[in-house]
Amino acid sequence: MANETWGGRRDGSGRKRLAPRALVPHRSRESVERLLPVHVTLRMANTVYNLRSERSFNALKRALRGAADRFGTRIIHFSVQGNHIHLIVETPDRESLYRAMKGLSVRIARRMNRMMNRKGQVIGSRYHTNVLRSHRATWNVLHYVRENHRKHFGKPGEWRTGISTDYFSSWAKPIPLPAPKTTYLRYAES
Protein backbone atom coordinates (compact mmCIF):
# COMPACT_ATOMS: atom_id res chain seq x y z
CA MET A 1 0.00 0.00 0.00
CA ALA A 2 1.44 3.37 -1.04
CA ASN A 3 1.68 6.23 1.42
CA GLU A 4 -0.85 8.89 0.38
CA THR A 5 1.19 11.78 1.80
CA TRP A 6 4.18 11.39 -0.49
CA GLY A 7 4.51 13.44 -3.67
CA GLY A 8 2.07 15.72 -5.35
CA ARG A 9 0.80 19.16 -4.44
CA ARG A 10 0.02 19.80 -0.78
CA ASP A 11 -0.28 22.74 1.61
CA GLY A 12 3.03 24.17 2.82
CA SER A 13 5.19 22.35 0.28
CA GLY A 14 7.78 23.97 -1.95
CA ARG A 15 10.30 26.73 -1.61
CA LYS A 16 9.31 29.51 0.76
CA ARG A 17 9.01 33.07 -0.54
CA LEU A 18 11.83 35.39 0.52
CA ALA A 19 10.25 38.63 -0.67
CA PRO A 20 7.25 40.11 1.18
CA ARG A 21 5.35 40.37 -2.11
CA ALA A 22 5.17 38.29 -5.27
CA LEU A 23 7.89 39.11 -7.79
CA VAL A 24 7.56 39.28 -11.57
CA PRO A 25 7.44 35.66 -12.78
CA HIS A 26 10.32 34.29 -14.87
CA ARG A 27 8.38 33.47 -18.03
CA SER A 28 8.84 34.72 -21.56
CA ARG A 29 7.76 38.31 -21.96
CA GLU A 30 4.99 39.35 -24.31
CA SER A 31 6.28 39.75 -27.86
CA VAL A 32 6.44 43.08 -29.69
CA GLU A 33 6.38 42.76 -33.48
CA ARG A 34 6.43 46.44 -34.49
CA LEU A 35 6.87 49.89 -32.96
CA LEU A 36 4.34 49.88 -30.11
CA PRO A 37 4.02 51.69 -26.78
CA VAL A 38 4.82 49.61 -23.71
CA HIS A 39 4.06 50.33 -20.04
CA VAL A 40 7.09 49.31 -17.95
CA THR A 41 7.28 49.23 -14.15
CA LEU A 42 10.67 49.13 -12.38
CA ARG A 43 10.50 48.31 -8.65
CA MET A 44 13.38 49.23 -6.34
CA ALA A 45 14.89 47.11 -3.55
CA ASN A 46 13.69 47.73 0.01
CA THR A 47 17.05 49.26 1.02
CA VAL A 48 16.87 52.10 -1.54
CA TYR A 49 15.95 55.62 -0.38
CA ASN A 50 12.57 57.14 -1.22
CA LEU A 51 12.68 58.04 -4.92
CA ARG A 52 10.49 61.11 -4.41
CA SER A 53 13.16 63.03 -2.52
CA GLU A 54 15.04 65.82 -4.29
CA ARG A 55 18.39 64.01 -4.10
CA SER A 56 17.02 60.71 -5.42
CA PHE A 57 15.04 62.40 -8.18
CA ASN A 58 18.12 64.32 -9.37
CA ALA A 59 20.01 61.03 -9.68
CA LEU A 60 17.07 59.46 -11.54
CA LYS A 61 16.78 62.42 -13.92
CA ARG A 62 20.40 62.00 -14.99
CA ALA A 63 19.88 58.25 -15.51
CA LEU A 64 16.64 58.80 -17.49
CA ARG A 65 18.20 61.54 -19.62
CA GLY A 66 21.06 59.21 -20.60
CA ALA A 67 18.70 56.33 -21.43
CA ALA A 68 15.90 58.29 -23.12
CA ASP A 69 16.68 57.09 -26.66
CA ARG A 70 18.83 53.95 -26.71
CA PHE A 71 18.78 50.70 -28.70
CA GLY A 72 15.70 51.82 -30.67
CA THR A 73 13.67 52.15 -27.46
CA ARG A 74 12.51 55.62 -26.51
CA ILE A 75 11.25 56.76 -23.09
CA ILE A 76 8.22 58.93 -23.81
CA HIS A 77 6.83 59.45 -20.27
CA PHE A 78 7.74 58.50 -16.72
CA SER A 79 6.32 58.83 -13.22
CA VAL A 80 8.48 58.32 -10.13
CA GLN A 81 6.78 56.96 -7.00
CA GLY A 82 8.29 56.16 -3.60
CA ASN A 83 9.65 52.72 -4.47
CA HIS A 84 8.94 52.24 -8.18
CA ILE A 85 9.01 54.00 -11.54
CA HIS A 86 6.37 53.82 -14.28
CA LEU A 87 7.67 54.28 -17.83
CA ILE A 88 5.85 54.55 -21.13
CA VAL A 89 8.27 53.60 -23.87
CA GLU A 90 8.12 52.93 -27.60
CA THR A 91 10.04 49.90 -28.77
CA PRO A 92 10.27 47.97 -32.05
CA ASP A 93 10.89 44.52 -30.50
CA ARG A 94 11.39 42.59 -27.28
CA GLU A 95 15.20 42.42 -27.61
CA SER A 96 15.50 46.21 -27.95
CA LEU A 97 13.31 46.69 -24.89
CA TYR A 98 15.41 44.21 -22.90
CA ARG A 99 18.67 45.95 -23.81
CA ALA A 100 17.28 49.41 -23.08
CA MET A 101 15.81 48.40 -19.70
CA LYS A 102 19.02 46.64 -18.70
CA GLY A 103 20.98 49.78 -19.60
CA LEU A 104 18.54 52.01 -17.70
CA SER A 105 18.69 49.70 -14.66
CA VAL A 106 22.49 49.90 -14.63
CA ARG A 107 22.38 53.70 -14.92
CA ILE A 108 19.85 53.95 -12.07
CA ALA A 109 21.85 51.55 -9.87
CA ARG A 110 25.10 53.46 -10.38
CA ARG A 111 23.52 56.87 -9.77
CA MET A 112 21.51 55.77 -6.72
CA ASN A 113 24.42 53.87 -5.16
CA ARG A 114 26.67 56.90 -5.65
CA MET A 115 24.03 59.17 -4.12
CA MET A 116 23.49 56.79 -1.14
CA ASN A 117 27.28 56.32 -0.79
CA ARG A 118 27.10 52.52 -0.87
CA LYS A 119 27.29 49.43 -3.08
CA GLY A 120 24.56 46.89 -3.55
CA GLN A 121 21.30 45.98 -5.21
CA VAL A 122 19.06 48.86 -6.30
CA ILE A 123 16.54 47.27 -8.66
CA GLY A 124 14.30 44.99 -6.60
CA SER A 125 13.11 42.54 -9.23
CA ARG A 126 12.58 42.09 -12.96
CA TYR A 127 10.78 44.87 -14.76
CA HIS A 128 7.10 44.33 -15.55
CA THR A 129 5.75 45.09 -19.05
CA ASN A 130 2.37 45.62 -20.63
CA VAL A 131 2.30 46.04 -24.43
CA LEU A 132 -0.37 48.57 -25.48
CA ARG A 133 -2.08 47.35 -28.64
CA SER A 134 -5.02 49.78 -28.91
CA HIS A 135 -5.85 53.48 -28.60
CA ARG A 136 -8.06 52.84 -25.57
CA ALA A 137 -5.41 50.80 -23.73
CA THR A 138 -2.84 53.53 -24.42
CA TRP A 139 -5.15 56.28 -23.18
CA ASN A 140 -5.95 54.31 -20.00
CA VAL A 141 -2.28 53.70 -19.21
CA LEU A 142 -1.34 57.33 -19.93
CA HIS A 143 -4.04 58.47 -17.53
CA TYR A 144 -2.98 55.92 -14.90
CA VAL A 145 0.70 56.88 -15.08
CA ARG A 146 -0.02 60.63 -15.14
CA GLU A 147 -2.29 60.42 -12.08
CA ASN A 148 -0.42 57.66 -10.21
CA HIS A 149 0.94 60.06 -7.59
CA ARG A 150 -2.64 60.65 -6.40
CA LYS A 151 -3.11 56.93 -5.82
CA HIS A 152 0.01 56.65 -3.67
CA PHE A 153 0.09 60.05 -1.96
CA GLY A 154 -3.47 61.40 -2.04
CA LYS A 155 -6.39 60.82 0.28
CA PRO A 156 -7.78 57.27 0.08
CA GLY A 157 -10.70 57.03 -2.34
CA GLU A 158 -10.18 60.56 -3.69
CA TRP A 159 -7.08 60.16 -5.84
CA ARG A 160 -8.82 61.14 -9.10
CA THR A 161 -10.18 64.51 -7.96
CA GLY A 162 -8.64 67.89 -8.79
CA ILE A 163 -6.06 68.87 -11.36
CA SER A 164 -2.36 69.01 -10.61
CA THR A 165 0.89 68.03 -12.28
CA ASP A 166 3.22 65.71 -10.44
CA TYR A 167 6.65 67.29 -10.00
CA PHE A 168 8.25 63.82 -10.14
CA SER A 169 6.92 62.97 -13.61
CA SER A 170 7.64 63.77 -17.24
CA TRP A 171 4.55 66.00 -17.40
CA ALA A 172 6.42 68.57 -15.24
CA LYS A 173 9.09 68.53 -18.01
CA PRO A 174 12.18 68.04 -15.77
CA ILE A 175 14.19 66.59 -18.69
CA PRO A 176 13.77 66.64 -22.49
CA LEU A 177 12.28 63.39 -23.82
CA PRO A 178 11.69 62.28 -27.44
CA ALA A 179 8.34 62.97 -29.05
CA PRO A 180 6.15 59.91 -29.64
CA LYS A 181 6.26 58.25 -33.06
CA THR A 182 3.37 55.81 -32.67
CA THR A 183 -0.12 56.83 -33.61
CA TYR A 184 -1.44 55.38 -30.35
CA LEU A 185 0.56 57.78 -28.19
CA ARG A 186 0.07 60.83 -30.42
CA TYR A 187 -3.69 60.17 -30.49
CA ALA A 188 -3.91 59.55 -26.72
CA GLU A 189 -2.02 62.75 -25.86
CA SER A 190 -4.20 65.02 -27.99
C-alpha atoms as a PDB file:
ATOM      1  CA  MET A   1       0.000   0.000   0.000  1.00  0.00           C
ATOM      2  CA  ALA A   2       1.443   3.368  -1.045  1.00  0.00           C
ATOM      3  CA  ASN A   3       1.683   6.233   1.421  1.00  0.00           C
ATOM      4  CA  GLU A   4      -0.852   8.885   0.376  1.00  0.00           C
ATOM      5  CA  THR A   5       1.188  11.779   1.802  1.00  0.00           C
ATOM      6  CA  TRP A   6       4.184  11.392  -0.487  1.00  0.00           C
ATOM      7  CA  GLY A   7       4.508  13.444  -3.671  1.00  0.00           C
ATOM      8  CA  GLY A   8       2.072  15.724  -5.353  1.00  0.00           C
ATOM      9  CA  ARG A   9       0.799  19.160  -4.439  1.00  0.00           C
ATOM     10  CA  ARG A  10       0.022  19.803  -0.779  1.00  0.00           C
ATOM     11  CA  ASP A  11      -0.275  22.742   1.610  1.00  0.00           C
ATOM     12  CA  GLY A  12       3.028  24.169   2.817  1.00  0.00           C
ATOM     13  CA  SER A  13       5.194  22.350   0.280  1.00  0.00           C
ATOM     14  CA  GLY A  14       7.778  23.973  -1.952  1.00  0.00           C
ATOM     15  CA  ARG A  15      10.302  26.725  -1.613  1.00  0.00           C
ATOM     16  CA  LYS A  16       9.307  29.513   0.764  1.00  0.00           C
ATOM     17  CA  ARG A  17       9.007  33.068  -0.540  1.00  0.00           C
ATOM     18  CA  LEU A  18      11.832  35.392   0.515  1.00  0.00           C
ATOM     19  CA  ALA A  19      10.251  38.629  -0.669  1.00  0.00           C
ATOM     20  CA  PRO A  20       7.252  40.106   1.175  1.00  0.00           C
ATOM     21  CA  ARG A  21       5.346  40.366  -2.113  1.00  0.00           C
ATOM     22  CA  ALA A  22       5.170  38.285  -5.270  1.00  0.00           C
ATOM     23  CA  LEU A  23       7.886  39.114  -7.791  1.00  0.00           C
ATOM     24  CA  VAL A  24       7.558  39.284 -11.570  1.00  0.00           C
ATOM     25  CA  PRO A  25       7.442  35.656 -12.781  1.00  0.00           C
ATOM     26  CA  HIS A  26      10.320  34.292 -14.869  1.00  0.00           C
ATOM     27  CA  ARG A  27       8.378  33.472 -18.034  1.00  0.00           C
ATOM     28  CA  SER A  28       8.836  34.718 -21.563  1.00  0.00           C
ATOM     29  CA  ARG A  29       7.764  38.311 -21.960  1.00  0.00           C
ATOM     30  CA  GLU A  30       4.993  39.354 -24.307  1.00  0.00           C
ATOM     31  CA  SER A  31       6.277  39.753 -27.862  1.00  0.00           C
ATOM     32  CA  VAL A  32       6.445  43.076 -29.690  1.00  0.00           C
ATOM     33  CA  GLU A  33       6.385  42.763 -33.482  1.00  0.00           C
ATOM     34  CA  ARG A  34       6.428  46.437 -34.492  1.00  0.00           C
ATOM     35  CA  LEU A  35       6.871  49.886 -32.957  1.00  0.00           C
ATOM     36  CA  LEU A  36       4.337  49.877 -30.108  1.00  0.00           C
ATOM     37  CA  PRO A  37       4.020  51.689 -26.782  1.00  0.00           C
ATOM     38  CA  VAL A  38       4.822  49.608 -23.708  1.00  0.00           C
ATOM     39  CA  HIS A  39       4.064  50.335 -20.045  1.00  0.00           C
ATOM     40  CA  VAL A  40       7.091  49.307 -17.954  1.00  0.00           C
ATOM     41  CA  THR A  41       7.284  49.230 -14.153  1.00  0.00           C
ATOM     42  CA  LEU A  42      10.665  49.131 -12.381  1.00  0.00           C
ATOM     43  CA  ARG A  43      10.497  48.314  -8.654  1.00  0.00           C
ATOM     44  CA  MET A  44      13.380  49.229  -6.336  1.00  0.00           C
ATOM     45  CA  ALA A  45      14.886  47.106  -3.553  1.00  0.00           C
ATOM     46  CA  ASN A  46      13.690  47.733   0.007  1.00  0.00           C
ATOM     47  CA  THR A  47      17.047  49.255   1.022  1.00  0.00           C
ATOM     48  CA  VAL A  48      16.865  52.101  -1.537  1.00  0.00           C
ATOM     49  CA  TYR A  49      15.947  55.618  -0.383  1.00  0.00           C
ATOM     50  CA  ASN A  50      12.566  57.135  -1.218  1.00  0.00           C
ATOM     51  CA  LEU A  51      12.684  58.039  -4.921  1.00  0.00           C
ATOM     52  CA  ARG A  52      10.486  61.107  -4.412  1.00  0.00           C
ATOM     53  CA  SER A  53      13.157  63.035  -2.516  1.00  0.00           C
ATOM     54  CA  GLU A  54      15.036  65.824  -4.288  1.00  0.00           C
ATOM     55  CA  ARG A  55      18.395  64.006  -4.103  1.00  0.00           C
ATOM     56  CA  SER A  56      17.016  60.712  -5.420  1.00  0.00           C
ATOM     57  CA  PHE A  57      15.040  62.402  -8.184  1.00  0.00           C
ATOM     58  CA  ASN A  58      18.116  64.322  -9.365  1.00  0.00           C
ATOM     59  CA  ALA A  59      20.011  61.032  -9.677  1.00  0.00           C
ATOM     60  CA  LEU A  60      17.075  59.463 -11.537  1.00  0.00           C
ATOM     61  CA  LYS A  61      16.778  62.422 -13.919  1.00  0.00           C
ATOM     62  CA  ARG A  62      20.401  61.996 -14.994  1.00  0.00           C
ATOM     63  CA  ALA A  63      19.881  58.255 -15.515  1.00  0.00           C
ATOM     64  CA  LEU A  64      16.644  58.796 -17.487  1.00  0.00           C
ATOM     65  CA  ARG A  65      18.202  61.541 -19.622  1.00  0.00           C
ATOM     66  CA  GLY A  66      21.063  59.213 -20.603  1.00  0.00           C
ATOM     67  CA  ALA A  67      18.705  56.327 -21.434  1.00  0.00           C
ATOM     68  CA  ALA A  68      15.896  58.285 -23.124  1.00  0.00           C
ATOM     69  CA  ASP A  69      16.679  57.095 -26.661  1.00  0.00           C
ATOM     70  CA  ARG A  70      18.831  53.954 -26.709  1.00  0.00           C
ATOM     71  CA  PHE A  71      18.777  50.695 -28.703  1.00  0.00           C
ATOM     72  CA  GLY A  72      15.700  51.817 -30.673  1.00  0.00           C
ATOM     73  CA  THR A  73      13.666  52.146 -27.463  1.00  0.00           C
ATOM     74  CA  ARG A  74      12.512  55.624 -26.507  1.00  0.00           C
ATOM     75  CA  ILE A  75      11.254  56.755 -23.087  1.00  0.00           C
ATOM     76  CA  ILE A  76       8.217  58.928 -23.811  1.00  0.00           C
ATOM     77  CA  HIS A  77       6.833  59.448 -20.273  1.00  0.00           C
ATOM     78  CA  PHE A  78       7.740  58.500 -16.720  1.00  0.00           C
ATOM     79  CA  SER A  79       6.324  58.832 -13.224  1.00  0.00           C
ATOM     80  CA  VAL A  80       8.482  58.318 -10.127  1.00  0.00           C
ATOM     81  CA  GLN A  81       6.785  56.963  -7.002  1.00  0.00           C
ATOM     82  CA  GLY A  82       8.287  56.160  -3.601  1.00  0.00           C
ATOM     83  CA  ASN A  83       9.645  52.716  -4.469  1.00  0.00           C
ATOM     84  CA  HIS A  84       8.939  52.239  -8.185  1.00  0.00           C
ATOM     85  CA  ILE A  85       9.014  53.999 -11.541  1.00  0.00           C
ATOM     86  CA  HIS A  86       6.374  53.825 -14.278  1.00  0.00           C
ATOM     87  CA  LEU A  87       7.668  54.282 -17.825  1.00  0.00           C
ATOM     88  CA  ILE A  88       5.848  54.549 -21.131  1.00  0.00           C
ATOM     89  CA  VAL A  89       8.271  53.601 -23.873  1.00  0.00           C
ATOM     90  CA  GLU A  90       8.123  52.933 -27.605  1.00  0.00           C
ATOM     91  CA  THR A  91      10.041  49.896 -28.773  1.00  0.00           C
ATOM     92  CA  PRO A  92      10.267  47.969 -32.053  1.00  0.00           C
ATOM     93  CA  ASP A  93      10.887  44.523 -30.500  1.00  0.00           C
ATOM     94  CA  ARG A  94      11.395  42.592 -27.275  1.00  0.00           C
ATOM     95  CA  GLU A  95      15.202  42.419 -27.606  1.00  0.00           C
ATOM     96  CA  SER A  96      15.504  46.214 -27.948  1.00  0.00           C
ATOM     97  CA  LEU A  97      13.314  46.695 -24.888  1.00  0.00           C
ATOM     98  CA  TYR A  98      15.408  44.206 -22.902  1.00  0.00           C
ATOM     99  CA  ARG A  99      18.673  45.947 -23.805  1.00  0.00           C
ATOM    100  CA  ALA A 100      17.280  49.409 -23.079  1.00  0.00           C
ATOM    101  CA  MET A 101      15.806  48.397 -19.696  1.00  0.00           C
ATOM    102  CA  LYS A 102      19.023  46.643 -18.704  1.00  0.00           C
ATOM    103  CA  GLY A 103      20.981  49.781 -19.595  1.00  0.00           C
ATOM    104  CA  LEU A 104      18.535  52.010 -17.696  1.00  0.00           C
ATOM    105  CA  SER A 105      18.686  49.699 -14.664  1.00  0.00           C
ATOM    106  CA  VAL A 106      22.491  49.903 -14.627  1.00  0.00           C
ATOM    107  CA  ARG A 107      22.381  53.702 -14.915  1.00  0.00           C
ATOM    108  CA  ILE A 108      19.847  53.945 -12.074  1.00  0.00           C
ATOM    109  CA  ALA A 109      21.850  51.552  -9.874  1.00  0.00           C
ATOM    110  CA  ARG A 110      25.097  53.460 -10.384  1.00  0.00           C
ATOM    111  CA  ARG A 111      23.518  56.871  -9.766  1.00  0.00           C
ATOM    112  CA  MET A 112      21.510  55.772  -6.719  1.00  0.00           C
ATOM    113  CA  ASN A 113      24.421  53.869  -5.160  1.00  0.00           C
ATOM    114  CA  ARG A 114      26.674  56.895  -5.649  1.00  0.00           C
ATOM    115  CA  MET A 115      24.027  59.165  -4.120  1.00  0.00           C
ATOM    116  CA  MET A 116      23.495  56.791  -1.143  1.00  0.00           C
ATOM    117  CA  ASN A 117      27.279  56.319  -0.786  1.00  0.00           C
ATOM    118  CA  ARG A 118      27.099  52.521  -0.870  1.00  0.00           C
ATOM    119  CA  LYS A 119      27.289  49.430  -3.081  1.00  0.00           C
ATOM    120  CA  GLY A 120      24.557  46.891  -3.546  1.00  0.00           C
ATOM    121  CA  GLN A 121      21.304  45.983  -5.207  1.00  0.00           C
ATOM    122  CA  VAL A 122      19.061  48.857  -6.296  1.00  0.00           C
ATOM    123  CA  ILE A 123      16.543  47.268  -8.663  1.00  0.00           C
ATOM    124  CA  GLY A 124      14.295  44.992  -6.597  1.00  0.00           C
ATOM    125  CA  SER A 125      13.108  42.543  -9.234  1.00  0.00           C
ATOM    126  CA  ARG A 126      12.582  42.086 -12.956  1.00  0.00           C
ATOM    127  CA  TYR A 127      10.780  44.873 -14.758  1.00  0.00           C
ATOM    128  CA  HIS A 128       7.098  44.334 -15.549  1.00  0.00           C
ATOM    129  CA  THR A 129       5.753  45.094 -19.053  1.00  0.00           C
ATOM    130  CA  ASN A 130       2.372  45.618 -20.635  1.00  0.00           C
ATOM    131  CA  VAL A 131       2.298  46.042 -24.430  1.00  0.00           C
ATOM    132  CA  LEU A 132      -0.365  48.572 -25.477  1.00  0.00           C
ATOM    133  CA  ARG A 133      -2.080  47.355 -28.640  1.00  0.00           C
ATOM    134  CA  SER A 134      -5.018  49.784 -28.914  1.00  0.00           C
ATOM    135  CA  HIS A 135      -5.846  53.485 -28.604  1.00  0.00           C
ATOM    136  CA  ARG A 136      -8.056  52.836 -25.571  1.00  0.00           C
ATOM    137  CA  ALA A 137      -5.411  50.802 -23.728  1.00  0.00           C
ATOM    138  CA  THR A 138      -2.842  53.528 -24.424  1.00  0.00           C
ATOM    139  CA  TRP A 139      -5.149  56.278 -23.176  1.00  0.00           C
ATOM    140  CA  ASN A 140      -5.952  54.306 -19.999  1.00  0.00           C
ATOM    141  CA  VAL A 141      -2.282  53.700 -19.209  1.00  0.00           C
ATOM    142  CA  LEU A 142      -1.338  57.328 -19.932  1.00  0.00           C
ATOM    143  CA  HIS A 143      -4.045  58.475 -17.534  1.00  0.00           C
ATOM    144  CA  TYR A 144      -2.985  55.921 -14.904  1.00  0.00           C
ATOM    145  CA  VAL A 145       0.703  56.881 -15.077  1.00  0.00           C
ATOM    146  CA  ARG A 146      -0.020  60.634 -15.140  1.00  0.00           C
ATOM    147  CA  GLU A 147      -2.289  60.417 -12.078  1.00  0.00           C
ATOM    148  CA  ASN A 148      -0.425  57.655 -10.206  1.00  0.00           C
ATOM    149  CA  HIS A 149       0.938  60.056  -7.593  1.00  0.00           C
ATOM    150  CA  ARG A 150      -2.639  60.650  -6.399  1.00  0.00           C
ATOM    151  CA  LYS A 151      -3.109  56.931  -5.816  1.00  0.00           C
ATOM    152  CA  HIS A 152       0.013  56.654  -3.673  1.00  0.00           C
ATOM    153  CA  PHE A 153       0.085  60.045  -1.958  1.00  0.00           C
ATOM    154  CA  GLY A 154      -3.474  61.401  -2.038  1.00  0.00           C
ATOM    155  CA  LYS A 155      -6.391  60.817   0.277  1.00  0.00           C
ATOM    156  CA  PRO A 156      -7.777  57.267   0.082  1.00  0.00           C
ATOM    157  CA  GLY A 157     -10.699  57.029  -2.338  1.00  0.00           C
ATOM    158  CA  GLU A 158     -10.178  60.562  -3.691  1.00  0.00           C
ATOM    159  CA  TRP A 159      -7.080  60.155  -5.836  1.00  0.00           C
ATOM    160  CA  ARG A 160      -8.823  61.142  -9.101  1.00  0.00           C
ATOM    161  CA  THR A 161     -10.185  64.510  -7.965  1.00  0.00           C
ATOM    162  CA  GLY A 162      -8.644  67.886  -8.788  1.00  0.00           C
ATOM    163  CA  ILE A 163      -6.059  68.867 -11.358  1.00  0.00           C
ATOM    164  CA  SER A 164      -2.356  69.010 -10.610  1.00  0.00           C
ATOM    165  CA  THR A 165       0.887  68.033 -12.283  1.00  0.00           C
ATOM    166  CA  ASP A 166       3.218  65.706 -10.438  1.00  0.00           C
ATOM    167  CA  TYR A 167       6.651  67.293 -10.003  1.00  0.00           C
ATOM    168  CA  PHE A 168       8.247  63.823 -10.145  1.00  0.00           C
ATOM    169  CA  SER A 169       6.920  62.969 -13.613  1.00  0.00           C
ATOM    170  CA  SER A 170       7.635  63.766 -17.245  1.00  0.00           C
ATOM    171  CA  TRP A 171       4.551  65.997 -17.395  1.00  0.00           C
ATOM    172  CA  ALA A 172       6.417  68.567 -15.244  1.00  0.00           C
ATOM    173  CA  LYS A 173       9.093  68.529 -18.006  1.00  0.00           C
ATOM    174  CA  PRO A 174      12.182  68.037 -15.774  1.00  0.00           C
ATOM    175  CA  ILE A 175      14.191  66.588 -18.693  1.00  0.00           C
ATOM    176  CA  PRO A 176      13.766  66.637 -22.494  1.00  0.00           C
ATOM    177  CA  LEU A 177      12.277  63.390 -23.823  1.00  0.00           C
ATOM    178  CA  PRO A 178      11.686  62.280 -27.436  1.00  0.00           C
ATOM    179  CA  ALA A 179       8.344  62.966 -29.051  1.00  0.00           C
ATOM    180  CA  PRO A 180       6.153  59.908 -29.638  1.00  0.00           C
ATOM    181  CA  LYS A 181       6.264  58.246 -33.064  1.00  0.00           C
ATOM    182  CA  THR A 182       3.372  55.805 -32.665  1.00  0.00           C
ATOM    183  CA  THR A 183      -0.124  56.826 -33.606  1.00  0.00           C
ATOM    184  CA  TYR A 184      -1.436  55.376 -30.353  1.00  0.00           C
ATOM    185  CA  LEU A 185       0.563  57.780 -28.193  1.00  0.00           C
ATOM    186  CA  ARG A 186       0.066  60.826 -30.423  1.00  0.00           C
ATOM    187  CA  TYR A 187      -3.693  60.172 -30.491  1.00  0.00           C
ATOM    188  CA  ALA A 188      -3.914  59.550 -26.721  1.00  0.00           C
ATOM    189  CA  GLU A 189      -2.020  62.753 -25.857  1.00  0.00           C
ATOM    190  CA  SER A 190      -4.202  65.019 -27.993  1.00  0.00           C
END
